[in-house]
Amino acid sequence: MTNLTEHQHPVSAPAADIKSLPKVSLHDHLDGGLRPATIIELAAEVGHTLPETDPEALRKWFLESADSGSLVRYLETFDHTIAVMQTHDALVRVAREFVEDLADDGVVYGEVRWAPEQHLTKGLTLDEVVEAVQQGLEEGMDNVDEAGGYIEVGQLVTAMRHADRGSEIAQLAVRHRDNGVVGFDIAGAEDGFLPSRFTEAFTYLAENNFPATVHAGEAAGLDSIQDALVHGRALRLGHGVRIAEDIHLDVVQEDGHDVGTVTLGDLAQWVRDRQIPLELCPSSNLQTGAIAAFGTTISEHPIDLLHQLGFNVTVNTDNRLMSGVTLTGEFELLRDTFGYDLDTMLELTLNAVHAAFLPIEAREQLADYIIECYDDLFDDEGSEGSGSDGDESEGNGSDGSDGDEG
């Protein structure tokens, strides 16, 4: 049992440009990050009918459809993005723009997850779609480099949990481990489709020393998380936010004062003590109803509780198009909601660095680079935490009012 006294955050982040801070993105779906204008152009090429044909109107349609509180409805929006990602050229373009948009948001390392099995309707093979996405990622990285920036992006090849191609997709991922694929994932309808359905695939990955992150603790609860750790051998939890359902809060009297006490269940204790990374996506978790047990506003998101209790929290976007967010916006949201300062942002970013599916030498170099960037910012500000409340949030509707896969 842990005593949870009133938490006093350090002063808010100074008036720094959060967008310019180096960031790490671990949970970001390729088919959830397209530009509206690109969707319209690609849809015209393949004859796919969209609900809107003006970029701004289409953007608003995605936001309104996603901001429904239902993961099922949220996932329906992907019918349109996936429909325009069925050719080599389309996959190259989408992947290239994905990288460029990440870099514009200050991301220096990203992992993009996507399901190759969903991109075969125009005759491409699994290997060909992976190669097309990798070509686009490399073109994007080259473009960023030529513009004077830096970013590295790896693929997380994903199997759909309701399908029966887990072993085939796992073998695909391992086959391309030297061609940009850094890890494996399962995604899609979580409730009713436990990772144990893919035990053979996860065993194959383990035998080949290949890492896996597993969507768990979003649309389903603790049983899903337990299964991801046992049968999925998950090194990270995709979302994992519902681990907070295994944390029990009580108020007791001590010396005439109310004192909050926290008791962790066995599963929560295991996840925390072994520092299993949580790929939390604040706005998405609110929009899909993943945090319904805790509330309906971002201030009720358990991310701050998890952070205070020492869980390995990382901050992510999930689907930038559907949720209308950027990683910059998510950090601004946490700053404005919970008062996070630059030290906390750095801590959360370094959590993501050390959770990345990179060799340890690369993680150490990336961590050193990010720390140096923050040190430069502190120097520019005169002293750490010396400023005001910082920039006004760009606003992403994540407070449940304006609305911007799981």
Protein backbone atom coordinates (compact mmCIF):
# COMPACT_ATOMS: atom_id res chain seq x y z
CA MET A 1 0.00 0.00 0.00
CA THR A 2 1.30 3.45 -0.93
CA ASN A 3 0.40 6.76 0.70
CA LEU A 4 -0.63 9.23 -2.00
CA THR A 5 -0.32 12.71 -0.59
CA GLU A 6 -1.45 15.72 -2.58
CA HIS A 7 0.80 15.89 -5.64
CA GLN A 8 2.44 19.24 -6.30
CA HIS A 9 3.69 19.56 -9.86
CA PRO A 10 6.66 21.79 -10.57
CA VAL A 11 5.86 25.02 -12.35
CA SER A 12 4.52 24.67 -15.85
CA ALA A 13 6.74 24.46 -18.89
CA PRO A 14 8.21 27.86 -19.72
CA ALA A 15 7.20 29.76 -22.78
CA ALA A 16 9.07 27.33 -24.95
CA ASP A 17 7.98 26.11 -28.34
CA ILE A 18 6.95 22.55 -27.49
CA LYS A 19 6.77 21.77 -31.19
CA SER A 20 10.53 22.30 -31.43
CA LEU A 21 11.30 19.82 -28.66
CA PRO A 22 12.61 16.45 -29.89
CA LYS A 23 9.98 13.75 -29.49
CA VAL A 24 9.63 9.99 -29.81
CA SER A 25 6.48 8.41 -31.23
CA LEU A 26 5.88 4.73 -30.51
CA HIS A 27 2.15 4.29 -31.20
CA ASP A 28 1.08 5.87 -34.48
CA HIS A 29 -0.93 4.09 -37.21
CA LEU A 30 -0.02 4.63 -40.86
CA ASP A 31 -3.64 4.40 -41.99
CA GLY A 32 -4.59 6.88 -39.27
CA GLY A 33 -2.21 9.63 -40.31
CA LEU A 34 -3.06 10.54 -43.89
CA ARG A 35 -3.47 14.11 -45.07
CA PRO A 36 -7.09 14.86 -46.09
CA ALA A 37 -5.96 16.33 -49.41
CA THR A 38 -4.01 13.16 -50.16
CA ILE A 39 -7.03 10.98 -49.41
CA ILE A 40 -9.12 13.01 -51.83
CA GLU A 41 -6.56 12.80 -54.62
CA LEU A 42 -5.95 9.07 -54.16
CA ALA A 43 -9.68 8.35 -53.91
CA ALA A 44 -10.25 10.09 -57.24
CA GLU A 45 -7.57 7.93 -58.84
CA VAL A 46 -9.18 4.66 -57.73
CA GLY A 47 -12.83 5.71 -57.89
CA HIS A 48 -13.51 5.47 -54.17
CA THR A 49 -16.43 7.55 -52.89
CA LEU A 50 -15.71 9.73 -49.86
CA PRO A 51 -18.20 11.41 -47.51
CA GLU A 52 -16.61 14.79 -48.34
CA THR A 53 -14.37 16.00 -51.18
CA ASP A 54 -13.11 19.23 -49.64
CA PRO A 55 -10.01 18.75 -47.46
CA GLU A 56 -11.29 20.80 -44.53
CA ALA A 57 -14.75 19.24 -44.67
CA LEU A 58 -13.21 15.76 -44.84
CA ARG A 59 -10.96 16.52 -41.89
CA LYS A 60 -13.98 17.58 -39.84
CA TRP A 61 -15.87 14.44 -40.88
CA PHE A 62 -13.08 12.25 -39.54
CA LEU A 63 -13.00 14.18 -36.28
CA GLU A 64 -16.75 13.99 -35.74
CA SER A 65 -16.90 10.30 -36.62
CA ALA A 66 -14.01 9.43 -34.33
CA ASP A 67 -15.18 11.55 -31.40
CA SER A 68 -18.11 9.27 -30.63
CA GLY A 69 -16.94 7.41 -27.53
CA SER A 70 -17.09 4.11 -29.42
CA LEU A 71 -14.03 2.20 -30.58
CA VAL A 72 -16.15 0.33 -33.14
CA ARG A 73 -17.28 3.55 -34.81
CA TYR A 74 -13.78 4.96 -34.48
CA LEU A 75 -12.41 2.01 -36.45
CA GLU A 76 -15.01 2.44 -39.20
CA THR A 77 -13.26 5.60 -40.36
CA PHE A 78 -10.36 3.47 -41.52
CA ASP A 79 -12.48 2.03 -44.34
CA HIS A 80 -11.74 5.18 -46.31
CA THR A 81 -8.04 5.50 -45.61
CA ILE A 82 -7.30 1.84 -46.27
CA ALA A 83 -9.30 1.98 -49.51
CA VAL A 84 -6.85 4.50 -50.99
CA MET A 85 -3.74 2.60 -49.84
CA GLN A 86 -3.88 -0.39 -52.19
CA THR A 87 -1.24 0.43 -54.81
CA HIS A 88 2.53 0.69 -54.69
CA ASP A 89 2.57 4.39 -55.52
CA ALA A 90 -0.14 5.21 -52.98
CA LEU A 91 1.68 3.37 -50.19
CA VAL A 92 4.94 5.11 -51.06
CA ARG A 93 3.29 8.51 -51.02
CA VAL A 94 1.40 7.96 -47.77
CA ALA A 95 4.51 6.65 -46.00
CA ARG A 96 6.66 9.51 -47.29
CA GLU A 97 4.18 12.16 -46.15
CA PHE A 98 3.75 10.37 -42.83
CA VAL A 99 7.46 10.81 -42.10
CA GLU A 100 7.48 14.43 -43.24
CA ASP A 101 4.54 15.25 -40.98
CA LEU A 102 6.21 13.57 -38.00
CA ALA A 103 9.38 15.56 -38.57
CA ASP A 104 7.37 18.77 -38.83
CA ASP A 105 5.97 17.94 -35.38
CA GLY A 106 9.45 17.59 -33.89
CA VAL A 107 9.59 13.79 -33.89
CA VAL A 108 13.16 12.48 -34.22
CA TYR A 109 12.35 8.79 -33.84
CA GLY A 110 9.10 7.07 -34.71
CA GLU A 111 7.65 3.62 -35.12
CA VAL A 112 4.76 3.38 -37.56
CA ARG A 113 2.40 0.44 -37.26
CA TRP A 114 0.22 -0.90 -40.02
CA ALA A 115 -1.31 -4.18 -41.21
CA PRO A 116 0.05 -5.38 -44.57
CA GLU A 117 -2.80 -7.88 -44.95
CA GLN A 118 -5.20 -4.95 -45.41
CA HIS A 119 -3.45 -3.66 -48.54
CA LEU A 120 -3.68 -6.54 -51.00
CA THR A 121 -6.87 -5.82 -52.96
CA LYS A 122 -5.04 -4.49 -56.04
CA GLY A 123 -2.80 -7.52 -56.42
CA LEU A 124 0.25 -6.61 -54.34
CA THR A 125 1.86 -9.32 -52.24
CA LEU A 126 2.65 -9.00 -48.54
CA ASP A 127 6.33 -8.52 -49.31
CA GLU A 128 5.59 -5.92 -51.97
CA VAL A 129 3.48 -3.77 -49.64
CA VAL A 130 6.16 -3.86 -46.95
CA GLU A 131 8.75 -2.85 -49.54
CA ALA A 132 6.53 -0.02 -50.82
CA VAL A 133 6.03 1.40 -47.33
CA GLN A 134 9.75 1.12 -46.63
CA GLN A 135 10.51 2.98 -49.85
CA GLY A 136 8.18 5.77 -48.76
CA LEU A 137 9.68 5.94 -45.28
CA GLU A 138 13.19 6.18 -46.70
CA GLU A 139 12.14 8.89 -49.16
CA GLY A 140 10.59 10.81 -46.30
CA MET A 141 13.70 10.48 -44.15
CA ASP A 142 15.85 11.60 -47.07
CA ASN A 143 13.62 14.63 -47.67
CA VAL A 144 13.83 15.61 -44.01
CA ASP A 145 17.60 15.22 -44.08
CA GLU A 146 17.91 17.34 -47.21
CA ALA A 147 15.85 20.05 -45.51
CA GLY A 148 18.33 20.10 -42.62
CA GLY A 149 16.32 18.01 -40.18
CA TYR A 150 16.65 14.54 -38.75
CA ILE A 151 14.26 11.66 -38.21
CA GLU A 152 14.43 7.88 -38.13
CA VAL A 153 11.29 5.76 -38.58
CA GLY A 154 10.87 2.00 -38.35
CA GLN A 155 7.96 -0.26 -39.24
CA LEU A 156 5.83 -2.23 -36.77
CA VAL A 157 4.23 -4.91 -38.93
CA THR A 158 0.79 -5.70 -37.55
CA ALA A 159 -1.55 -8.68 -37.75
CA MET A 160 -5.30 -8.19 -37.46
CA ARG A 161 -6.64 -10.00 -34.41
CA HIS A 162 -9.92 -11.10 -36.01
CA ALA A 163 -8.10 -12.75 -38.94
CA ASP A 164 -6.10 -15.97 -39.00
CA ARG A 165 -2.84 -14.79 -40.54
CA GLY A 166 -0.84 -14.25 -37.37
CA SER A 167 1.93 -16.70 -38.12
CA GLU A 168 2.19 -15.56 -41.74
CA ILE A 169 2.50 -11.91 -40.68
CA ALA A 170 5.00 -12.77 -37.95
CA GLN A 171 7.17 -14.52 -40.54
CA LEU A 172 6.79 -11.49 -42.82
CA ALA A 173 8.01 -9.20 -40.06
CA VAL A 174 11.06 -11.32 -39.32
CA ARG A 175 11.78 -11.66 -43.04
CA HIS A 176 12.07 -7.87 -43.29
CA ARG A 177 13.95 -7.24 -40.06
CA ASP A 178 16.90 -5.99 -42.10
CA ASN A 179 14.64 -3.88 -44.32
CA GLY A 180 13.18 -1.43 -41.83
CA VAL A 181 10.83 -3.62 -39.78
CA VAL A 182 11.64 -3.24 -36.09
CA GLY A 183 8.78 -5.04 -34.38
CA PHE A 184 5.44 -6.87 -34.49
CA ASP A 185 1.97 -5.98 -33.23
CA ILE A 186 -1.60 -7.21 -33.28
CA ALA A 187 -4.44 -4.71 -33.63
CA GLY A 188 -8.11 -4.41 -34.45
CA ALA A 189 -11.07 -5.64 -32.43
CA GLU A 190 -9.56 -6.33 -29.01
CA ASP A 191 -12.59 -7.49 -27.07
CA GLY A 192 -13.10 -11.20 -27.71
CA PHE A 193 -9.84 -11.68 -29.60
CA LEU A 194 -7.15 -12.39 -27.05
CA PRO A 195 -3.48 -12.59 -28.01
CA SER A 196 -3.58 -16.30 -27.17
CA ARG A 197 -5.19 -16.77 -30.61
CA PHE A 198 -1.70 -16.05 -31.97
CA THR A 199 0.36 -18.10 -29.55
CA GLU A 200 2.13 -19.84 -32.41
CA ALA A 201 3.07 -16.50 -33.97
CA PHE A 202 4.37 -15.06 -30.72
CA THR A 203 6.38 -18.21 -30.06
CA TYR A 204 7.93 -17.91 -33.51
CA LEU A 205 8.86 -14.29 -32.81
CA ALA A 206 10.42 -15.22 -29.47
CA GLU A 207 12.40 -18.02 -31.07
CA ASN A 208 13.73 -15.48 -33.57
CA ASN A 209 14.48 -12.85 -30.91
CA PHE A 210 12.06 -10.39 -32.49
CA PRO A 211 10.20 -7.87 -30.30
CA ALA A 212 6.45 -7.46 -30.01
CA THR A 213 4.13 -4.80 -28.69
CA VAL A 214 0.50 -5.81 -28.25
CA HIS A 215 -2.67 -3.72 -28.29
CA ALA A 216 -4.19 -4.46 -24.89
CA GLY A 217 -6.07 -2.60 -22.20
CA GLU A 218 -7.99 -0.33 -24.57
CA ALA A 219 -11.28 -1.91 -25.66
CA ALA A 220 -10.82 -4.78 -23.21
CA GLY A 221 -9.58 -4.84 -19.64
CA LEU A 222 -7.23 -6.67 -17.34
CA ASP A 223 -7.70 -10.12 -18.88
CA SER A 224 -6.52 -8.73 -22.20
CA ILE A 225 -3.42 -7.21 -20.60
CA GLN A 226 -2.65 -10.44 -18.74
CA ASP A 227 -2.99 -12.44 -21.95
CA ALA A 228 -0.75 -10.00 -23.85
CA LEU A 229 2.00 -10.50 -21.28
CA VAL A 230 1.65 -14.27 -21.01
CA HIS A 231 0.82 -15.44 -24.53
CA GLY A 232 1.91 -12.36 -26.48
CA ARG A 233 5.21 -12.02 -24.64
CA ALA A 234 4.60 -8.29 -25.00
CA LEU A 235 7.58 -6.04 -24.34
CA ARG A 236 5.22 -3.02 -24.48
CA LEU A 237 1.48 -2.56 -24.08
CA GLY A 238 -0.32 -0.74 -26.88
CA HIS A 239 -2.40 1.71 -24.85
CA GLY A 240 -2.53 -0.40 -21.68
CA VAL A 241 -4.51 2.40 -20.04
CA ARG A 242 -6.96 0.04 -18.37
CA ILE A 243 -4.20 -1.30 -16.14
CA ALA A 244 -5.48 1.52 -13.91
CA GLU A 245 -8.53 -0.64 -13.24
CA ASP A 246 -6.23 -2.76 -11.09
CA ILE A 247 -5.34 0.25 -8.91
CA HIS A 248 -7.55 0.79 -5.90
CA LEU A 249 -7.89 4.21 -4.27
CA ASP A 250 -9.16 4.75 -0.73
CA VAL A 251 -9.23 7.60 1.75
CA VAL A 252 -8.25 6.97 5.36
CA GLN A 253 -7.89 9.21 8.39
CA GLU A 254 -4.39 9.87 9.72
CA ASP A 255 -3.96 12.41 12.55
CA GLY A 256 -7.30 13.93 11.71
CA HIS A 257 -6.49 14.40 8.02
CA ASP A 258 -7.75 12.59 4.95
CA VAL A 259 -4.93 10.66 3.32
CA GLY A 260 -5.32 8.93 -0.01
CA THR A 261 -4.05 5.37 -0.12
CA VAL A 262 -3.28 3.37 -3.22
CA THR A 263 -3.21 -0.40 -3.46
CA LEU A 264 -1.98 -2.08 -6.62
CA GLY A 265 -3.40 -5.39 -7.70
CA ASP A 266 -1.04 -8.19 -8.68
CA LEU A 267 -1.17 -7.37 -12.39
CA ALA A 268 -0.65 -3.64 -11.92
CA GLN A 269 2.20 -4.38 -9.51
CA TRP A 270 3.82 -6.64 -12.09
CA VAL A 271 3.51 -4.10 -14.91
CA ARG A 272 4.87 -1.28 -12.76
CA ASP A 273 7.66 -3.18 -11.04
CA ARG A 274 8.99 -4.54 -14.33
CA GLN A 275 8.58 -1.16 -16.01
CA ILE A 276 6.62 -2.56 -18.94
CA PRO A 277 6.07 0.49 -21.16
CA LEU A 278 2.54 1.80 -21.60
CA GLU A 279 1.86 3.38 -25.01
CA LEU A 280 -0.75 5.84 -23.76
CA CYS A 281 -2.69 7.98 -26.25
CA PRO A 282 -4.59 10.57 -24.18
CA SER A 283 -6.99 12.05 -26.75
CA SER A 284 -7.67 8.75 -28.46
CA ASN A 285 -8.29 7.01 -25.13
CA LEU A 286 -10.94 9.61 -24.36
CA GLN A 287 -12.56 9.44 -27.77
CA THR A 288 -12.81 5.64 -27.94
CA GLY A 289 -14.16 5.28 -24.42
CA ALA A 290 -11.07 3.45 -23.19
CA ILE A 291 -11.11 5.53 -20.00
CA ALA A 292 -14.88 5.30 -19.44
CA ALA A 293 -14.32 3.68 -16.04
CA PHE A 294 -12.53 6.82 -14.89
CA GLY A 295 -14.49 9.65 -16.48
CA THR A 296 -15.40 11.53 -19.61
CA THR A 297 -12.88 14.38 -19.62
CA ILE A 298 -9.17 14.48 -20.16
CA SER A 299 -8.61 15.62 -16.58
CA GLU A 300 -9.97 12.23 -15.48
CA HIS A 301 -7.54 10.28 -17.67
CA PRO A 302 -5.45 8.02 -15.38
CA ILE A 303 -2.21 8.95 -17.15
CA ASP A 304 -1.22 11.28 -14.32
CA LEU A 305 -2.03 8.70 -11.65
CA LEU A 306 0.04 6.11 -13.50
CA HIS A 307 2.90 8.57 -13.87
CA GLN A 308 2.81 9.51 -10.19
CA LEU A 309 2.86 5.85 -9.17
CA GLY A 310 5.96 5.15 -11.23
CA PHE A 311 4.53 3.28 -14.21
CA ASN A 312 6.56 3.48 -17.41
CA VAL A 313 4.36 5.99 -19.23
CA THR A 314 4.93 7.11 -22.81
CA VAL A 315 2.86 9.66 -24.73
CA ASN A 316 1.55 8.95 -28.22
CA THR A 317 -1.04 10.04 -30.79
CA ASP A 318 -2.55 6.74 -32.05
CA ASN A 319 -4.23 8.19 -35.16
CA ARG A 320 -3.43 11.80 -35.95
CA LEU A 321 -6.12 12.19 -38.61
CA MET A 322 -9.00 10.61 -36.71
CA SER A 323 -8.22 12.27 -33.40
CA GLY A 324 -7.08 15.54 -34.93
CA VAL A 325 -3.92 15.57 -32.84
CA THR A 326 -0.18 15.92 -33.00
CA LEU A 327 2.38 14.81 -30.47
CA THR A 328 3.01 18.48 -29.78
CA GLY A 329 -0.68 18.91 -29.04
CA GLU A 330 -0.75 15.92 -26.71
CA PHE A 331 2.13 17.31 -24.66
CA GLU A 332 0.44 20.70 -24.58
CA LEU A 333 -2.71 18.99 -23.41
CA LEU A 334 -0.87 17.30 -20.54
CA ARG A 335 0.83 20.56 -19.65
CA ASP A 336 -2.44 22.46 -19.56
CA THR A 337 -4.37 19.70 -17.76
CA PHE A 338 -1.85 18.40 -15.25
CA GLY A 339 0.73 21.19 -15.13
CA TYR A 340 3.55 19.13 -16.59
CA ASP A 341 6.81 21.05 -16.84
CA LEU A 342 9.81 20.49 -19.09
CA ASP A 343 11.37 18.02 -16.68
CA THR A 344 8.27 15.85 -16.86
CA MET A 345 8.11 16.11 -20.64
CA LEU A 346 11.73 15.06 -20.83
CA GLU A 347 11.10 12.14 -18.50
CA LEU A 348 8.16 10.92 -20.60
CA THR A 349 10.18 11.32 -23.79
CA LEU A 350 13.12 9.37 -22.37
CA ASN A 351 10.70 6.65 -21.31
CA ALA A 352 9.79 6.32 -24.98
CA VAL A 353 13.44 6.33 -26.03
CA HIS A 354 14.29 3.43 -23.76
CA ALA A 355 11.15 1.54 -24.83
CA ALA A 356 11.97 1.89 -28.54
CA PHE A 357 12.77 -1.22 -30.53
CA LEU A 358 16.31 -0.04 -31.20
CA PRO A 359 19.71 -1.46 -30.22
CA ILE A 360 20.81 -0.17 -26.83
CA GLU A 361 23.65 1.85 -28.36
CA ALA A 362 21.19 3.70 -30.60
CA ARG A 363 18.85 4.32 -27.65
CA GLU A 364 21.69 5.76 -25.59
CA GLN A 365 22.75 8.05 -28.42
CA LEU A 366 19.17 9.18 -28.96
CA ALA A 367 18.73 9.85 -25.24
CA ASP A 368 21.94 11.91 -25.15
CA TYR A 369 20.77 13.96 -28.12
CA ILE A 370 17.37 14.67 -26.58
CA ILE A 371 18.87 15.61 -23.21
CA GLU A 372 21.28 17.98 -24.95
CA CYS A 373 18.37 19.65 -26.76
CA TYR A 374 16.52 20.14 -23.48
CA ASP A 375 19.66 21.48 -21.82
CA ASP A 376 19.99 24.03 -24.60
CA LEU A 377 16.40 25.06 -24.06
CA PHE A 378 16.93 25.46 -20.32
CA ASP A 379 19.97 27.64 -21.04
CA ASP A 380 17.95 29.76 -23.46
CA GLU A 381 15.23 30.22 -20.85
CA GLY A 382 17.76 31.38 -18.28
CA SER A 383 16.80 28.77 -15.71
CA GLU A 384 14.71 25.63 -15.68
CA GLY A 385 11.03 26.19 -14.99
CA SER A 386 11.49 29.96 -14.74
CA GLY A 387 8.81 30.95 -17.18
CA SER A 388 5.08 31.25 -17.18
CA ASP A 389 2.45 28.72 -18.18
CA GLY A 390 3.85 28.54 -21.68
CA ASP A 391 2.22 28.65 -25.08
CA GLU A 392 -1.49 28.47 -25.39
CA SER A 393 -2.54 24.99 -26.45
CA GLU A 394 -3.38 24.71 -30.11
CA GLY A 395 -6.48 22.86 -29.02
CA ASN A 396 -7.41 19.39 -30.14
CA GLY A 397 -10.81 18.98 -28.61
CA SER A 398 -9.49 16.47 -26.14
CA ASP A 399 -11.41 17.89 -23.21
CA GLY A 400 -14.45 16.13 -24.55
CA SER A 401 -16.10 19.33 -25.77
CA ASP A 402 -14.87 20.25 -29.23
CA GLY A 403 -13.67 16.91 -30.45
CA ASP A 404 -10.92 17.10 -32.79
CA GLU A 405 -7.83 2.62 -33.50
CA GLY A 406 -7.06 1.41 -31.60
